[in-house]
């Protein structure tokens, strides 16, 4: 079921969407066209053309289309990553020196296939994203040019754009009825979101799987440069290098490197241009979001914030499975995707919009259907950090505790172990044993009052942990922030060593059922070895406890 292919964001198994029997194949019509995009991403004075292959049943009636577009259609270019090991964080230096790709090799990723729909009912429209595969132009990694190039295919299916055959003659989509659905996994699932934000007429439904809703949150977090899970040192330019035709778009790649910024994690214009949530109000397509709760490549935040942005905007449904990056076969998800398209493209009354539209698969495989996210049975609870390592509803005494960054030598998984044992690299706070099973749901919010004692910058990492009856720790979720961005995510400021700053930031969302007898723990540390940049050990961070140091969680806390 796994397809080996390289790069940052996944391949939808649209290619696995095959005819159900040999008889059907005999009556399939196949053709290749090049759709004219309104963009000229390579600056050659010619409009880009998007490679599109079409397989459709021979039918008397006009057909709806399931459209899939990918930057990975012909594979990619293995290349180096950015260095993340350094003496000090780049935002700590007076003069930032541009990073060079340091020779670490990108590894191949495994992708899970995602089922599509009935090949006898729909036309399959499969395209190569701009600047990749057999399409002309240059990849621009998530911006409006890439969006408009993909949108052009839907415009062509609705008679609003031109396309050409290989011989130069014009191609008409006279077999199409103009109704289009889009799906895909990861980058291939991100493109449907991007296109939907244009409000393009004809796009009736999308099913983004493990998809990005805001590119900032893929490579950055609360002011920090953060890796996608498993891809240390990856960034937008590394992705651009991977998907581009080798050697064809070096100037575009240089532009990505110069404008994306690794000297800090600010929400700059580069990332604002790739913020699809800002345009979610334009979405008309019914959106069925599928995402893994254990996906630390495209983190679950992307699904939740899209879900929230769609409230009152378009029909929406969400399925959060217990797995990682990709889709799932559990609980009838493939059939539900098919029913989603059948309802919104073909008008079938199949019940897919009836009942709870939020479904969450728990760690044990059971399914929790709910009316809301967070779960409607939870309530917000503020828990304060205590100097005695307690995590309690009462305000802690006004004391200070200090940690020393050990991030180049200890991973977060080891830092959360043995919470009652002294470890200068972290502080841990625990509740008493839970009297009964407790549901955590939603997005945790952390408030910290801190001072960096001997640097002008520091990583801050928070982990929410379940400690079982034997004291073993399991990380439920985590999050990261840069104290330099305590006031403004768009622009940080150098810290004054020893000065106190107030921070408020969100962790990655999660729904999780804690066992009775377990303790809920919060671990605060600095560098997260697998996700953040790694300065040399020795950064000292002082945390001031009291009324301004707490975590807010959604809990069924009774």
Protein backbone atom coordinates (compact mmCIF):
# COMPACT_ATOMS: atom_id res chain seq x y z
CA UNK A 1 0.00 0.00 0.00
CA UNK A 2 2.99 2.28 0.39
CA UNK A 3 4.36 4.15 -2.61
CA UNK A 4 8.00 5.21 -2.25
CA UNK A 5 8.52 8.73 -3.51
CA UNK A 6 10.48 11.61 -2.11
CA UNK A 7 9.46 14.89 -0.59
CA UNK A 8 7.67 16.94 1.85
CA UNK A 9 4.15 16.36 1.45
CA UNK A 10 2.62 13.24 0.08
CA UNK A 11 1.19 11.63 -3.00
CA UNK A 12 -2.52 10.97 -3.32
CA UNK A 13 -3.34 7.62 -4.77
CA UNK A 14 -5.32 9.14 -7.57
CA UNK A 15 -3.17 6.91 -9.78
CA UNK A 16 -4.76 3.94 -8.01
CA UNK A 17 -8.17 5.17 -9.16
CA UNK A 18 -8.45 2.52 -11.89
CA UNK A 19 -11.23 0.98 -13.96
CA UNK A 20 -13.06 -1.70 -12.04
CA UNK A 21 -12.95 -4.30 -14.80
CA UNK A 22 -11.48 -4.93 -18.21
CA UNK A 23 -14.82 -4.41 -19.93
CA UNK A 24 -14.98 -0.84 -18.61
CA UNK A 25 -11.45 -0.18 -19.89
CA UNK A 26 -12.54 -1.04 -23.42
CA UNK A 27 -14.97 1.88 -23.33
CA UNK A 28 -12.65 4.45 -21.79
CA UNK A 29 -11.53 7.54 -23.67
CA UNK A 30 -8.03 8.79 -22.87
CA UNK A 31 -6.36 12.02 -23.98
CA UNK A 32 -3.68 14.50 -23.00
CA UNK A 33 -4.08 18.27 -23.23
CA UNK A 34 -2.08 21.31 -22.12
CA UNK A 35 -4.21 23.89 -20.32
CA UNK A 36 -3.16 27.51 -20.67
CA UNK A 37 -2.53 29.15 -17.30
CA UNK A 38 -2.77 32.94 -16.75
CA UNK A 39 0.73 32.77 -15.20
CA UNK A 40 4.26 33.13 -16.56
CA UNK A 41 6.26 31.77 -13.63
CA UNK A 42 9.52 31.30 -15.55
CA UNK A 43 9.42 34.79 -17.09
CA UNK A 44 9.93 33.57 -20.66
CA UNK A 45 7.15 35.78 -22.05
CA UNK A 46 4.88 32.79 -22.64
CA UNK A 47 1.92 31.70 -20.54
CA UNK A 48 2.55 28.51 -18.60
CA UNK A 49 0.85 25.35 -19.81
CA UNK A 50 -0.38 22.63 -17.45
CA UNK A 51 -0.09 18.99 -18.47
CA UNK A 52 -3.45 17.24 -18.02
CA UNK A 53 -4.32 13.62 -18.72
CA UNK A 54 -7.97 12.59 -18.91
CA UNK A 55 -9.53 9.15 -18.65
CA UNK A 56 -13.29 9.04 -18.93
CA UNK A 57 -15.97 6.54 -19.72
CA UNK A 58 -17.57 6.82 -23.14
CA UNK A 59 -21.06 8.05 -22.26
CA UNK A 60 -23.98 9.82 -23.83
CA UNK A 61 -24.35 12.28 -20.97
CA UNK A 62 -21.85 14.91 -19.92
CA UNK A 63 -19.68 13.94 -17.00
CA UNK A 64 -18.60 15.36 -13.66
CA UNK A 65 -14.87 15.28 -13.03
CA UNK A 66 -12.63 14.26 -10.16
CA UNK A 67 -9.53 16.42 -10.53
CA UNK A 68 -6.17 15.60 -9.00
CA UNK A 69 -3.07 17.74 -9.44
CA UNK A 70 0.39 16.88 -8.11
CA UNK A 71 3.91 18.31 -8.10
CA UNK A 72 5.25 14.76 -7.61
CA UNK A 73 3.94 13.09 -10.77
CA UNK A 74 7.41 12.32 -12.17
CA UNK A 75 9.23 12.03 -8.83
CA UNK A 76 11.71 14.60 -7.59
CA UNK A 77 15.30 15.67 -7.08
CA UNK A 78 17.17 14.44 -4.03
CA UNK A 79 19.08 17.31 -2.51
CA UNK A 80 20.57 18.79 0.65
CA UNK A 81 18.82 20.17 3.71
CA UNK A 82 19.58 23.27 5.76
CA UNK A 83 21.89 22.92 8.75
CA UNK A 84 20.11 23.09 12.12
CA UNK A 85 23.12 22.63 14.45
CA UNK A 86 24.83 25.92 15.35
CA UNK A 87 26.58 27.82 18.13
CA UNK A 88 23.67 30.18 18.67
CA UNK A 89 20.22 30.69 17.20
CA UNK A 90 20.39 32.95 14.12
CA UNK A 91 18.05 35.50 15.71
CA UNK A 92 20.56 35.75 18.58
CA UNK A 93 23.34 37.02 16.29
CA UNK A 94 23.94 40.70 15.54
CA UNK A 95 24.70 39.90 11.91
CA UNK A 96 22.86 37.03 10.32
CA UNK A 97 24.79 35.04 7.74
CA UNK A 98 22.71 33.40 5.04
CA UNK A 99 22.33 29.65 5.37
CA UNK A 100 23.69 27.33 2.76
CA UNK A 101 22.34 23.88 2.05
CA UNK A 102 24.73 21.76 4.04
CA UNK A 103 24.85 18.49 2.16
CA UNK A 104 22.48 16.47 4.32
CA UNK A 105 20.58 14.27 1.91
CA UNK A 106 16.84 14.23 1.63
CA UNK A 107 15.39 10.78 2.23
CA UNK A 108 12.55 9.04 0.50
CA UNK A 109 9.10 9.25 2.02
CA UNK A 110 6.48 6.56 2.18
CA UNK A 111 2.98 7.54 1.17
CA UNK A 112 -0.35 5.95 1.95
CA UNK A 113 -2.78 5.55 -0.89
CA UNK A 114 -6.22 7.12 -0.61
CA UNK A 115 -9.25 5.61 -2.33
CA UNK A 116 -11.22 7.73 -4.76
CA UNK A 117 -14.54 7.02 -6.46
CA UNK A 118 -16.39 5.07 -9.12
CA UNK A 119 -14.44 5.17 -12.39
CA UNK A 120 -17.56 4.39 -14.39
CA UNK A 121 -19.29 7.54 -13.14
CA UNK A 122 -16.64 10.27 -13.26
CA UNK A 123 -13.98 11.57 -15.59
CA UNK A 124 -10.51 11.29 -14.06
CA UNK A 125 -8.58 14.50 -14.65
CA UNK A 126 -4.94 14.31 -13.54
CA UNK A 127 -2.47 17.19 -13.87
CA UNK A 128 1.14 18.10 -13.15
CA UNK A 129 1.46 21.24 -11.04
CA UNK A 130 3.06 24.29 -12.64
CA UNK A 131 6.82 23.93 -13.17
CA UNK A 132 6.81 20.22 -12.38
CA UNK A 133 6.56 17.05 -14.43
CA UNK A 134 5.50 17.85 -17.99
CA UNK A 135 4.01 21.26 -17.19
CA UNK A 136 5.94 24.37 -18.14
CA UNK A 137 6.88 27.24 -15.83
CA UNK A 138 8.51 27.14 -12.41
CA UNK A 139 7.18 25.88 -9.07
CA UNK A 140 6.46 28.68 -6.62
CA UNK A 141 5.57 26.53 -3.58
CA UNK A 142 2.16 27.48 -2.31
CA UNK A 143 1.55 31.00 -3.61
CA UNK A 144 -1.13 32.51 -5.84
CA UNK A 145 0.70 31.67 -9.08
CA UNK A 146 0.59 27.97 -8.24
CA UNK A 147 -3.06 28.37 -7.23
CA UNK A 148 -4.10 30.08 -10.48
CA UNK A 149 -2.29 27.50 -12.59
CA UNK A 150 -4.29 24.70 -10.96
CA UNK A 151 -7.51 26.73 -11.13
CA UNK A 152 -7.04 27.06 -14.90
CA UNK A 153 -7.86 23.38 -15.32
CA UNK A 154 -11.27 23.88 -13.68
CA UNK A 155 -11.81 26.95 -15.83
CA UNK A 156 -11.08 24.85 -18.91
CA UNK A 157 -13.55 22.16 -17.79
CA UNK A 158 -16.12 24.97 -17.61
CA UNK A 159 -15.23 26.55 -20.96
CA UNK A 160 -13.45 29.58 -19.49
CA UNK A 161 -9.86 28.71 -20.44
CA UNK A 162 -8.02 27.29 -23.44
CA UNK A 163 -6.19 24.00 -23.84
CA UNK A 164 -4.20 22.48 -26.66
CA UNK A 165 -3.26 19.06 -27.91
CA UNK A 166 0.36 18.13 -28.55
CA UNK A 167 -0.01 19.11 -32.22
CA UNK A 168 -1.10 22.64 -31.27
CA UNK A 169 -4.78 22.29 -32.12
CA UNK A 170 -7.24 23.56 -29.54
CA UNK A 171 -8.89 21.08 -27.18
CA UNK A 172 -12.44 21.53 -25.89
CA UNK A 173 -13.88 19.85 -22.80
CA UNK A 174 -17.23 19.34 -24.53
CA UNK A 175 -17.72 16.07 -22.62
CA UNK A 176 -17.66 17.84 -19.20
CA UNK A 177 -20.69 19.17 -17.35
CA UNK A 178 -18.54 21.60 -15.36
CA UNK A 179 -19.01 19.98 -11.93
CA UNK A 180 -15.63 19.22 -10.37
CA UNK A 181 -14.38 17.57 -7.19
CA UNK A 182 -10.79 17.64 -6.01
CA UNK A 183 -8.88 15.37 -3.65
CA UNK A 184 -5.33 14.41 -2.77
CA UNK A 185 -2.97 13.75 0.10
CA UNK A 186 -0.51 16.25 1.58
CA UNK A 187 0.77 18.66 -1.12
CA UNK A 188 -1.71 17.02 -3.48
CA UNK A 189 -4.41 17.71 -0.88
CA UNK A 190 -3.19 21.25 -0.26
CA UNK A 191 -3.76 22.27 -3.87
CA UNK A 192 -7.54 21.65 -3.63
CA UNK A 193 -7.68 23.99 -0.61
CA UNK A 194 -5.67 26.60 -2.50
CA UNK A 195 -7.93 26.41 -5.55
CA UNK A 196 -11.10 26.43 -3.44
CA UNK A 197 -10.07 29.72 -1.81
CA UNK A 198 -10.44 31.42 -5.20
CA UNK A 199 -14.18 30.66 -5.15
CA UNK A 200 -13.88 29.25 -8.68
CA UNK A 201 -17.23 28.35 -10.22
CA UNK A 202 -17.64 24.64 -10.88
CA UNK A 203 -15.58 23.32 -7.95
CA UNK A 204 -18.39 21.71 -5.97
CA UNK A 205 -16.52 19.60 -3.40
CA UNK A 206 -13.04 18.86 -2.10
CA UNK A 207 -11.60 16.14 0.14
CA UNK A 208 -8.17 17.35 1.34
CA UNK A 209 -6.24 14.60 3.13
CA UNK A 210 -3.31 15.42 5.44
CA UNK A 211 -3.20 18.82 3.75
CA UNK A 212 -1.62 22.20 4.51
CA UNK A 213 -3.98 25.11 5.18
CA UNK A 214 -1.28 27.71 5.94
CA UNK A 215 2.31 27.20 4.81
CA UNK A 216 3.70 29.18 7.74
CA UNK A 217 2.47 26.45 10.06
CA UNK A 218 4.28 23.81 8.03
CA UNK A 219 7.75 25.35 8.35
CA UNK A 220 7.30 27.79 11.28
CA UNK A 221 5.56 27.96 14.67
CA UNK A 222 4.88 30.98 16.87
CA UNK A 223 8.00 32.76 15.61
CA UNK A 224 10.33 29.75 15.41
CA UNK A 225 11.73 27.95 12.39
CA UNK A 226 10.37 24.40 12.81
CA UNK A 227 10.92 21.23 10.76
CA UNK A 228 8.15 19.07 9.38
CA UNK A 229 8.25 15.84 11.37
CA UNK A 230 10.99 13.56 10.07
CA UNK A 231 12.59 16.15 7.76
CA UNK A 232 15.20 18.01 9.75
CA UNK A 233 16.37 21.13 7.91
CA UNK A 234 13.69 21.15 5.24
CA UNK A 235 12.20 24.47 4.13
CA UNK A 236 10.25 25.94 1.21
CA UNK A 237 13.31 26.17 -1.03
CA UNK A 238 14.23 22.54 -0.36
CA UNK A 239 10.72 21.56 -1.41
CA UNK A 240 10.99 23.80 -4.48
CA UNK A 241 14.26 22.14 -5.46
CA UNK A 242 12.73 18.72 -5.05
CA UNK A 243 9.71 19.28 -7.29
CA UNK A 244 11.23 21.45 -10.04
CA UNK A 245 12.53 20.08 -13.31
CA UNK A 246 16.22 19.68 -12.56
CA UNK A 247 18.16 22.81 -13.44
CA UNK A 248 15.21 24.53 -15.10
CA UNK A 249 14.31 27.09 -12.42
CA UNK A 250 17.43 27.95 -10.46
CA UNK A 251 16.60 31.68 -10.29
CA UNK A 252 13.17 30.91 -8.80
CA UNK A 253 14.82 28.63 -6.25
CA UNK A 254 17.23 31.41 -5.30
CA UNK A 255 14.29 33.79 -4.87
CA UNK A 256 12.61 31.32 -2.51
CA UNK A 257 15.77 31.04 -0.42
CA UNK A 258 16.22 34.80 -0.23
CA UNK A 259 12.62 35.65 0.67
CA UNK A 260 11.45 32.78 2.92
CA UNK A 261 13.88 33.73 5.73
CA UNK A 262 15.59 31.30 8.11
CA UNK A 263 17.16 34.08 10.15
CA UNK A 264 13.94 34.05 12.21
CA UNK A 265 10.48 32.55 12.17
CA UNK A 266 8.53 35.77 11.63
CA UNK A 267 5.23 35.73 9.74
CA UNK A 268 6.65 37.78 6.88
CA UNK A 269 5.12 38.73 3.54
CA UNK A 270 6.47 35.50 2.05
CA UNK A 271 4.32 33.47 4.44
CA UNK A 272 1.37 35.86 4.27
CA UNK A 273 1.29 35.21 0.51
CA UNK A 274 0.88 31.51 1.35
CA UNK A 275 -1.81 31.92 3.99
CA UNK A 276 -4.86 30.18 2.52
CA UNK A 277 -6.88 30.61 5.70
CA UNK A 278 -6.94 34.35 5.00
CA UNK A 279 -9.04 33.56 1.91
CA UNK A 280 -11.15 30.74 3.35
CA UNK A 281 -14.22 33.01 3.33
CA UNK A 282 -14.22 32.65 -0.49
CA UNK A 283 -14.61 28.86 -0.40
CA UNK A 284 -17.82 27.57 -1.98
CA UNK A 285 -16.82 23.92 -2.28
CA UNK A 286 -18.17 21.48 0.29
CA UNK A 287 -15.08 20.40 2.24
CA UNK A 288 -14.46 16.97 3.78
CA UNK A 289 -11.23 17.12 5.82
CA UNK A 290 -9.35 13.89 6.61
CA UNK A 291 -6.29 14.09 8.87
CA UNK A 292 -4.20 11.91 11.15
CA UNK A 293 -3.90 12.82 14.82
CA UNK A 294 -0.40 11.32 14.81
CA UNK A 295 0.66 13.28 11.72
CA UNK A 296 3.70 15.36 12.71
CA UNK A 297 4.65 16.04 9.10
CA UNK A 298 1.57 18.07 8.19
CA UNK A 299 0.45 18.70 11.73
CA UNK A 300 -3.19 18.38 12.75
CA UNK A 301 -3.38 22.14 13.27
CA UNK A 302 -3.83 22.50 9.52
CA UNK A 303 -7.05 20.49 9.62
CA UNK A 304 -8.46 22.16 12.73
CA UNK A 305 -7.86 25.73 11.64
CA UNK A 306 -9.43 25.03 8.23
CA UNK A 307 -12.41 23.45 9.96
CA UNK A 308 -12.82 26.53 12.12
CA UNK A 309 -12.43 28.91 9.17
CA UNK A 310 -15.21 27.11 7.25
CA UNK A 311 -17.86 27.66 9.93
CA UNK A 312 -20.81 29.37 8.25
CA UNK A 313 -18.89 29.51 4.95
CA UNK A 314 -19.37 26.14 3.22
CA UNK A 315 -20.64 22.63 4.04
CA UNK A 316 -17.97 20.84 6.05
CA UNK A 317 -17.14 17.45 7.52
CA UNK A 318 -14.01 16.24 9.35
CA UNK A 319 -12.57 12.82 10.16
CA UNK A 320 -9.56 12.70 12.47
CA UNK A 321 -8.04 9.22 12.43
CA UNK A 322 -5.47 7.85 14.85
CA UNK A 323 -2.76 7.31 12.24
CA UNK A 324 0.00 9.45 10.80
CA UNK A 325 0.54 11.16 7.46
CA UNK A 326 -2.09 9.93 5.02
CA UNK A 327 -5.63 8.62 4.98
CA UNK A 328 -7.21 5.60 6.62
CA UNK A 329 -9.33 2.64 5.60
CA UNK A 330 -10.95 2.42 9.04
CA UNK A 331 -14.56 3.27 9.83
CA UNK A 332 -15.62 3.40 6.18
CA UNK A 333 -13.63 6.52 5.31
CA UNK A 334 -13.13 5.52 1.61
CA UNK A 335 -16.88 5.08 1.20
CA UNK A 336 -17.56 8.37 2.98
CA UNK A 337 -15.27 10.21 0.55
CA UNK A 338 -17.13 8.62 -2.35
CA UNK A 339 -20.50 9.56 -0.85
CA UNK A 340 -19.29 13.15 -0.36
CA UNK A 341 -18.57 13.52 -4.06
CA UNK A 342 -21.71 11.66 -5.09
CA UNK A 343 -23.83 14.02 -3.01
CA UNK A 344 -22.27 17.33 -3.99
CA UNK A 345 -21.39 16.54 -7.63
CA UNK A 346 -24.20 14.21 -8.62
CA UNK A 347 -26.91 15.34 -6.21
CA UNK A 348 -27.38 11.92 -4.64
CA UNK A 349 -29.29 11.92 -1.34
CA UNK A 350 -27.13 9.38 0.47
CA UNK A 351 -27.16 10.71 4.04
CA UNK A 352 -23.52 11.86 4.14
CA UNK A 353 -24.55 15.28 5.50
CA UNK A 354 -26.84 13.81 8.17
CA UNK A 355 -25.83 13.41 11.79
CA UNK A 356 -22.59 14.51 13.48
CA UNK A 357 -20.07 15.91 11.02
CA UNK A 358 -17.08 15.51 13.38
CA UNK A 359 -15.64 12.03 13.85
CA UNK A 360 -12.54 11.29 15.91
CA UNK A 361 -10.81 7.92 16.08
CA UNK A 362 -9.27 7.37 19.52
CA UNK A 363 -5.98 5.62 20.21
CA UNK A 364 -7.73 2.29 20.82
CA UNK A 365 -9.46 2.44 17.43
CA UNK A 366 -12.89 3.34 18.74
CA UNK A 367 -14.81 6.12 17.03
CA UNK A 368 -16.18 9.19 18.78
CA UNK A 369 -18.87 10.99 16.79
CA UNK A 370 -19.44 14.51 18.08
CA UNK A 371 -21.32 17.66 17.24
CA UNK A 372 -18.42 20.05 17.77
CA UNK A 373 -14.70 20.52 17.91
CA UNK A 374 -13.51 20.63 20.63
CA UNK A 375 -15.77 17.87 21.93
CA UNK A 376 -18.98 19.35 23.32
CA UNK A 377 -18.56 17.52 26.64
CA UNK A 378 -15.31 19.29 27.55
CA UNK A 379 -14.87 22.61 29.32
CA UNK A 380 -11.93 24.98 29.40
CA UNK A 381 -9.79 24.48 32.48
CA UNK A 382 -6.88 26.69 33.54
CA UNK A 383 -4.09 24.85 35.37
CA UNK A 384 -1.25 26.75 37.05
CA UNK A 385 2.39 25.69 37.25
CA UNK A 386 3.55 25.24 40.87
CA UNK A 387 7.03 25.51 42.36
CA UNK A 388 6.41 22.11 43.97
CA UNK A 389 5.96 20.62 40.44
CA UNK A 390 2.18 20.62 40.84
CA UNK A 391 -0.33 21.36 38.10
CA UNK A 392 -3.40 22.68 39.82
CA UNK A 393 -6.45 24.91 39.48
CA UNK A 394 -5.15 27.24 42.19
CA UNK A 395 -2.58 29.96 41.50
CA UNK A 396 0.98 28.99 42.35
CA UNK A 397 3.27 30.99 44.59
CA UNK A 398 5.42 33.60 42.89
CA UNK A 399 8.67 31.72 42.59
CA UNK A 400 11.17 31.25 39.75
CA UNK A 401 12.73 28.12 38.28
CA UNK A 402 15.56 27.97 35.73
CA UNK A 403 16.47 25.46 33.03
CA UNK A 404 19.60 25.09 30.90
CA UNK A 405 19.14 24.14 27.25
CA UNK A 406 20.40 20.59 26.58
CA UNK A 407 18.82 20.34 23.16
CA UNK A 408 21.83 19.08 21.19
CA UNK A 409 22.16 16.08 23.48
CA UNK A 410 18.67 15.15 24.72
CA UNK A 411 15.51 14.56 22.74
CA UNK A 412 12.14 15.61 24.11
CA UNK A 413 11.16 11.96 24.54
CA UNK A 414 13.98 11.52 27.08
CA UNK A 415 13.36 14.89 28.73
CA UNK A 416 9.80 13.92 29.66
CA UNK A 417 10.89 10.72 31.42
CA UNK A 418 11.20 10.44 35.22
CA UNK A 419 9.41 13.73 35.94
CA UNK A 420 10.21 13.57 39.67
CA UNK A 421 13.94 13.33 39.07
CA UNK A 422 15.94 16.56 38.80
CA UNK A 423 16.94 17.41 35.23
CA UNK A 424 18.44 20.83 34.51
CA UNK A 425 17.16 20.68 30.95
CA UNK A 426 13.46 20.76 31.83
CA UNK A 427 10.81 21.40 34.43
CA UNK A 428 7.81 19.11 34.84
CA UNK A 429 4.40 19.76 36.44
CA UNK A 430 1.90 16.99 37.25
CA UNK A 431 -1.69 16.69 38.41
CA UNK A 432 -2.65 14.17 41.08
CA UNK A 433 -3.72 10.77 39.69
CA UNK A 434 -6.94 11.09 37.68
CA UNK A 435 -9.94 9.56 39.42
CA UNK A 436 -11.48 8.42 36.15
CA UNK A 437 -10.88 8.55 32.42
CA UNK A 438 -10.51 12.14 31.27
CA UNK A 439 -11.04 13.45 27.76
CA UNK A 440 -8.72 16.15 26.45
CA UNK A 441 -9.92 17.88 23.28
CA UNK A 442 -9.03 21.01 21.35
CA UNK A 443 -6.07 23.40 21.29
CA UNK A 444 -4.09 24.05 24.45
CA UNK A 445 -3.04 27.64 25.19
CA UNK A 446 0.07 28.36 27.26
CA UNK A 447 0.91 31.53 29.20
CA UNK A 448 4.51 31.96 30.37
CA UNK A 449 6.41 34.71 32.11
CA UNK A 450 10.10 34.21 31.46
CA UNK A 451 13.54 35.72 31.07
CA UNK A 452 16.43 34.47 28.97
CA UNK A 453 19.39 35.04 31.26
CA UNK A 454 22.45 34.80 29.01
CA UNK A 455 21.27 35.09 25.40
CA UNK A 456 19.17 37.34 23.19
CA UNK A 457 17.10 34.42 21.87
CA UNK A 458 15.92 30.96 22.92
CA UNK A 459 13.71 28.09 21.82
CA UNK A 460 10.69 27.35 24.01
CA UNK A 461 9.08 23.90 23.79
CA UNK A 462 6.05 22.63 25.71
CA UNK A 463 4.89 19.01 25.89
CA UNK A 464 1.57 17.68 27.22
CA UNK A 465 2.26 14.23 28.66
CA UNK A 466 0.30 11.33 30.08
CA UNK A 467 2.17 9.59 32.92
CA UNK A 468 0.75 6.15 33.56
CA UNK A 469 0.51 4.38 36.93
CA UNK A 470 4.14 3.24 36.56
CA UNK A 471 5.32 6.80 35.86
CA UNK A 472 6.05 6.20 32.18
CA UNK A 473 5.54 9.26 30.00
CA UNK A 474 3.73 9.45 26.67
CA UNK A 475 3.74 12.75 24.76
CA UNK A 476 0.15 13.65 23.83
CA UNK A 477 0.97 16.86 22.00
CA UNK A 478 3.57 19.63 21.93
CA UNK A 479 4.24 23.13 20.70
CA UNK A 480 7.01 25.68 20.16
CA UNK A 481 7.47 29.44 20.42
CA UNK A 482 10.07 32.20 20.15
CA UNK A 483 10.15 34.69 23.05
CA UNK A 484 11.31 37.32 20.56
CA UNK A 485 7.79 37.20 19.10
CA UNK A 486 6.05 37.64 22.45
CA UNK A 487 4.29 40.75 21.16
CA UNK A 488 4.05 40.36 17.37
CA UNK A 489 4.21 37.23 15.23
CA UNK A 490 5.15 39.30 12.18
CA UNK A 491 8.30 40.78 13.72
CA UNK A 492 10.43 39.66 16.65
CA UNK A 493 12.77 41.73 18.79
CA UNK A 494 16.11 40.87 20.36
CA UNK A 495 15.66 40.00 24.02
CA UNK A 496 17.37 41.88 26.81
CA UNK A 497 19.15 39.23 28.90
CA UNK A 498 17.49 38.94 32.30
CA UNK A 499 14.41 40.97 31.36
CA UNK A 500 11.01 39.34 31.95
CA UNK A 501 8.65 38.84 29.02
CA UNK A 502 5.06 37.61 28.90
CA UNK A 503 4.17 35.01 26.24
CA UNK A 504 0.85 33.51 25.14
CA UNK A 505 0.79 30.85 22.42
CA UNK A 506 -1.03 27.71 21.26
CA UNK A 507 0.16 24.11 21.15
CA UNK A 508 -0.77 21.62 18.44
CA UNK A 509 -4.44 20.50 18.79
CA UNK A 510 -5.31 17.03 20.01
CA UNK A 511 -8.13 14.80 21.22
CA UNK A 512 -7.00 12.12 23.64
CA UNK A 513 -8.51 9.96 26.37
CA UNK A 514 -6.36 9.66 29.50
CA UNK A 515 -6.71 6.56 31.65
CA UNK A 516 -7.94 6.63 35.22
CA UNK A 517 -4.96 6.59 37.54
CA UNK A 518 -2.72 8.43 35.07
CA UNK A 519 -1.32 11.89 35.75
CA UNK A 520 -1.56 14.76 33.30
CA UNK A 521 1.83 16.40 32.96
CA UNK A 522 3.26 19.54 31.36
CA UNK A 523 6.97 19.58 30.53
CA UNK A 524 8.69 22.87 29.68
CA UNK A 525 12.05 22.80 27.94
CA UNK A 526 14.02 24.77 25.37
CA UNK A 527 15.28 23.06 22.20
CA UNK A 528 13.22 20.24 20.68
CA UNK A 529 15.87 18.11 18.95
CA UNK A 530 13.59 16.75 16.23
CA UNK A 531 11.81 19.99 15.33
CA UNK A 532 13.67 23.21 16.20
CA UNK A 533 17.10 24.58 15.41
CA UNK A 534 19.74 23.32 17.81
CA UNK A 535 22.05 25.91 19.41
CA UNK A 536 24.90 24.69 21.59
CA UNK A 537 23.96 23.81 25.13
CA UNK A 538 23.99 26.48 27.79
CA UNK A 539 21.09 28.89 27.12
CA UNK A 540 19.52 29.59 30.51
CA UNK A 541 15.80 30.38 30.74
CA UNK A 542 14.12 31.49 33.95
CA UNK A 543 10.38 30.88 34.33
CA UNK A 544 8.46 33.03 36.79
CA UNK A 545 5.56 31.15 38.34
CA UNK A 546 2.34 32.68 39.59
CA UNK A 547 -0.85 34.09 38.10
CA UNK A 548 0.70 34.62 34.64
CA UNK A 549 2.09 31.09 34.19
CA UNK A 550 -0.51 28.47 33.27
CA UNK A 551 -1.95 26.23 30.59
CA UNK A 552 -5.57 26.23 29.40
CA UNK A 553 -6.95 22.86 28.27
CA UNK A 554 -10.34 21.60 27.14
CA UNK A 555 -11.12 18.71 29.52
CA UNK A 556 -14.03 16.61 30.69
CA UNK A 557 -12.80 17.50 34.16
CA UNK A 558 -15.27 16.36 36.82
